[in-house]
């Protein structure tokens, strides 16, 4: 007696499983896109050169406190 051949096409998974698969693919693609965008942003920001400290005038009264020298800020105007 000959045994019947097994089905070569697997049965379709339930709708919830198919939806979950697409959600996983979409979130994976989105995370890769965010990672690539982050790398591009870091490359652009890094290519601008080293950061320079702000001039002492920009710090106002904080520069005198940090340097330890008691100096008055010039009057505005």
N, C-alpha and C. Protein backbone atom coordinates (compact mmCIF):
# COMPACT_ATOMS: atom_id res chain seq x y z
N UNK A 1 0.82 -1.16 0.00
CA UNK A 1 0.00 0.00 0.00
C UNK A 1 0.89 1.24 0.00
N UNK A 2 0.50 2.27 -0.75
CA UNK A 2 1.28 3.49 -0.91
C UNK A 2 0.77 4.52 0.08
N UNK A 3 1.75 5.15 0.77
CA UNK A 3 1.37 6.19 1.72
C UNK A 3 1.10 7.50 0.98
N UNK A 4 0.14 8.30 1.42
CA UNK A 4 -0.12 9.58 0.75
C UNK A 4 1.04 10.54 0.98
N UNK A 5 1.29 11.40 -0.01
CA UNK A 5 2.36 12.39 0.10
C UNK A 5 1.93 13.49 1.08
N UNK A 6 2.88 13.96 1.88
CA UNK A 6 2.52 15.07 2.79
C UNK A 6 2.31 16.34 1.98
N UNK A 7 1.55 17.25 2.54
CA UNK A 7 1.31 18.53 1.87
C UNK A 7 2.63 19.30 1.78
N UNK A 8 2.96 19.78 0.61
CA UNK A 8 4.19 20.53 0.42
C UNK A 8 4.03 22.00 0.78
N UNK A 9 2.82 22.49 0.74
CA UNK A 9 2.55 23.87 1.10
C UNK A 9 2.06 23.90 2.55
N UNK A 10 2.81 24.59 3.41
CA UNK A 10 2.36 24.62 4.81
C UNK A 10 1.08 25.44 4.93
N UNK A 11 0.29 25.15 5.93
CA UNK A 11 -0.95 25.92 6.11
C UNK A 11 -0.63 27.36 6.50
N UNK A 12 -1.50 28.29 6.12
CA UNK A 12 -1.30 29.70 6.45
C UNK A 12 -1.46 29.88 7.96
N UNK A 13 -0.57 30.70 8.53
CA UNK A 13 -0.74 30.97 9.96
C UNK A 13 -1.96 31.85 10.17
N UNK A 14 -2.45 31.89 11.38
CA UNK A 14 -3.61 32.74 11.67
C UNK A 14 -3.29 34.21 11.38
N UNK A 15 -4.33 35.00 11.22
CA UNK A 15 -4.17 36.42 10.87
C UNK A 15 -3.34 37.17 11.90
N UNK A 16 -3.50 36.85 13.16
CA UNK A 16 -2.76 37.55 14.21
C UNK A 16 -1.26 37.28 14.09
N UNK A 17 -0.88 36.08 13.70
CA UNK A 17 0.54 35.76 13.53
C UNK A 17 1.12 36.50 12.34
N UNK A 18 0.36 36.60 11.26
CA UNK A 18 0.85 37.34 10.09
C UNK A 18 0.99 38.82 10.40
N UNK A 19 0.04 39.35 11.14
CA UNK A 19 0.11 40.77 11.51
C UNK A 19 1.31 41.01 12.41
N UNK A 20 1.56 40.12 13.34
CA UNK A 20 2.71 40.25 14.22
C UNK A 20 4.03 40.20 13.47
N UNK A 21 4.07 39.39 12.43
CA UNK A 21 5.29 39.30 11.62
C UNK A 21 5.55 40.62 10.91
N UNK A 22 4.49 41.23 10.36
CA UNK A 22 4.66 42.51 9.67
C UNK A 22 5.02 43.63 10.64
N UNK A 23 4.48 43.58 11.84
CA UNK A 23 4.84 44.58 12.85
C UNK A 23 6.31 44.45 13.22
N UNK A 24 6.78 43.23 13.35
CA UNK A 24 8.19 43.00 13.67
C UNK A 24 9.10 43.49 12.55
N UNK A 25 8.73 43.23 11.31
CA UNK A 25 9.53 43.68 10.16
C UNK A 25 9.54 45.21 10.11
N UNK A 26 8.39 45.82 10.31
CA UNK A 26 8.30 47.29 10.26
C UNK A 26 9.12 47.94 11.38
N UNK A 27 9.03 47.44 12.59
CA UNK A 27 9.79 48.04 13.69
C UNK A 27 11.28 47.80 13.51
N UNK A 28 11.66 46.66 12.96
CA UNK A 28 13.08 46.42 12.68
C UNK A 28 13.62 47.38 11.64
N UNK A 29 12.86 47.59 10.57
CA UNK A 29 13.28 48.53 9.53
C UNK A 29 13.35 49.95 10.08
N UNK A 30 12.40 50.31 10.92
CA UNK A 30 12.40 51.65 11.52
C UNK A 30 13.62 51.83 12.42
N UNK A 31 13.97 50.83 13.19
CA UNK A 31 15.14 50.96 14.06
C UNK A 31 16.42 51.06 13.26
N UNK A 32 16.52 50.35 12.15
CA UNK A 32 17.70 50.47 11.28
C UNK A 32 17.76 51.86 10.68
N UNK A 33 16.63 52.39 10.26
CA UNK A 33 16.57 53.74 9.69
C UNK A 33 17.00 54.78 10.72
N UNK A 34 16.55 54.65 11.94
CA UNK A 34 16.95 55.59 13.00
C UNK A 34 18.45 55.48 13.26
N UNK A 35 18.98 54.28 13.26
CA UNK A 35 20.42 54.09 13.47
C UNK A 35 21.25 54.73 12.38
N UNK A 36 20.84 54.56 11.13
CA UNK A 36 21.56 55.16 10.01
C UNK A 36 21.47 56.68 10.07
N UNK A 37 20.30 57.21 10.41
CA UNK A 37 20.14 58.66 10.52
C UNK A 37 21.03 59.20 11.64
N UNK A 38 21.14 58.48 12.73
CA UNK A 38 22.02 58.88 13.83
C UNK A 38 23.47 58.92 13.39
N UNK A 39 23.92 57.90 12.67
CA UNK A 39 25.29 57.87 12.19
C UNK A 39 25.57 59.03 11.23
N UNK A 40 24.61 59.33 10.36
CA UNK A 40 24.79 60.46 9.43
C UNK A 40 24.88 61.77 10.22
N UNK A 41 24.01 61.95 11.20
CA UNK A 41 24.02 63.17 12.00
C UNK A 41 25.34 63.33 12.75
N UNK A 42 25.84 62.27 13.35
CA UNK A 42 27.10 62.32 14.08
C UNK A 42 28.25 62.63 13.13
N UNK A 43 28.23 62.04 11.94
CA UNK A 43 29.29 62.30 10.96
C UNK A 43 29.29 63.76 10.55
N UNK A 44 28.11 64.33 10.29
CA UNK A 44 28.02 65.74 9.90
C UNK A 44 28.50 66.64 11.03
N UNK A 45 28.05 66.38 12.24
CA UNK A 45 28.44 67.22 13.37
C UNK A 45 29.94 67.09 13.67
N UNK A 46 30.48 65.90 13.50
CA UNK A 46 31.90 65.67 13.79
C UNK A 46 32.79 66.29 12.72
N UNK A 47 32.29 66.42 11.50
CA UNK A 47 33.12 66.95 10.42
C UNK A 47 33.29 68.47 10.52
N UNK A 48 32.56 69.13 11.42
CA UNK A 48 32.68 70.58 11.55
C UNK A 48 33.95 70.98 12.28
N UNK A 49 34.66 70.07 12.86
CA UNK A 49 35.90 70.39 13.55
C UNK A 49 35.71 70.37 15.06
N UNK A 50 36.80 70.63 15.77
CA UNK A 50 36.70 70.58 17.24
C UNK A 50 35.89 71.75 17.78
N UNK A 51 35.33 71.52 18.94
CA UNK A 51 34.58 72.59 19.60
C UNK A 51 35.55 73.55 20.26
N UNK A 52 35.26 74.83 20.18
CA UNK A 52 36.08 75.84 20.81
C UNK A 52 35.36 76.35 22.05
N UNK A 53 36.11 76.67 23.09
CA UNK A 53 35.43 77.21 24.28
C UNK A 53 34.87 78.60 23.97
N UNK A 54 33.84 78.99 24.69
CA UNK A 54 33.26 80.32 24.44
C UNK A 54 34.22 81.41 24.91
N UNK A 55 34.13 82.58 24.32
CA UNK A 55 34.99 83.68 24.78
C UNK A 55 34.59 84.09 26.20
N UNK A 56 35.53 84.66 26.94
CA UNK A 56 35.20 85.04 28.33
C UNK A 56 34.04 86.02 28.43
N UNK A 57 33.86 86.85 27.41
CA UNK A 57 32.76 87.81 27.45
C UNK A 57 31.40 87.13 27.47
N UNK A 58 31.34 85.96 26.89
CA UNK A 58 30.06 85.25 26.83
C UNK A 58 29.65 84.68 28.18
N UNK A 59 30.62 84.49 29.05
CA UNK A 59 30.32 83.90 30.34
C UNK A 59 29.85 84.93 31.37
N UNK A 60 30.10 86.18 31.14
CA UNK A 60 29.67 87.22 32.06
C UNK A 60 30.40 87.14 33.38
N UNK A 61 29.67 87.18 34.48
CA UNK A 61 30.27 87.15 35.80
C UNK A 61 30.78 85.78 36.20
N UNK A 62 30.36 84.74 35.52
CA UNK A 62 30.80 83.39 35.88
C UNK A 62 32.28 83.19 35.59
N UNK A 63 32.84 83.91 34.62
CA UNK A 63 34.26 83.76 34.28
C UNK A 63 35.13 84.20 35.44
N UNK A 64 34.73 85.28 36.13
CA UNK A 64 35.51 85.76 37.25
C UNK A 64 35.46 84.77 38.40
N UNK A 65 34.31 84.18 38.64
CA UNK A 65 34.19 83.23 39.74
C UNK A 65 34.97 81.96 39.46
N UNK A 66 35.01 81.53 38.24
CA UNK A 66 35.73 80.31 37.89
C UNK A 66 37.22 80.55 37.92
N UNK A 67 37.67 81.70 37.44
CA UNK A 67 39.10 81.96 37.38
C UNK A 67 39.68 82.31 38.75
N UNK A 68 38.84 82.67 39.70
CA UNK A 68 39.32 83.00 41.03
C UNK A 68 39.71 84.46 41.17
N UNK A 69 39.65 85.22 40.11
CA UNK A 69 39.99 86.64 40.14
C UNK A 69 38.71 87.43 40.35
N UNK A 70 38.72 88.29 41.33
CA UNK A 70 37.53 89.11 41.60
C UNK A 70 37.57 90.32 40.68
N UNK A 71 36.82 90.27 39.63
CA UNK A 71 36.77 91.40 38.69
C UNK A 71 35.32 91.73 38.43
N UNK A 72 35.07 93.02 38.27
CA UNK A 72 33.71 93.46 37.99
C UNK A 72 33.44 93.40 36.49
N UNK A 73 32.22 93.09 36.15
CA UNK A 73 31.83 93.11 34.76
C UNK A 73 31.67 94.57 34.34
N UNK A 74 32.05 94.90 33.12
CA UNK A 74 31.87 96.29 32.68
C UNK A 74 30.39 96.64 32.59
N UNK A 75 30.07 97.90 32.83
CA UNK A 75 28.65 98.29 32.77
C UNK A 75 28.13 98.15 31.35
N UNK A 76 26.85 97.79 31.21
CA UNK A 76 26.30 97.64 29.85
C UNK A 76 26.23 98.98 29.15
N UNK A 77 26.41 98.92 27.86
CA UNK A 77 26.24 100.14 27.09
C UNK A 77 27.43 100.54 26.42
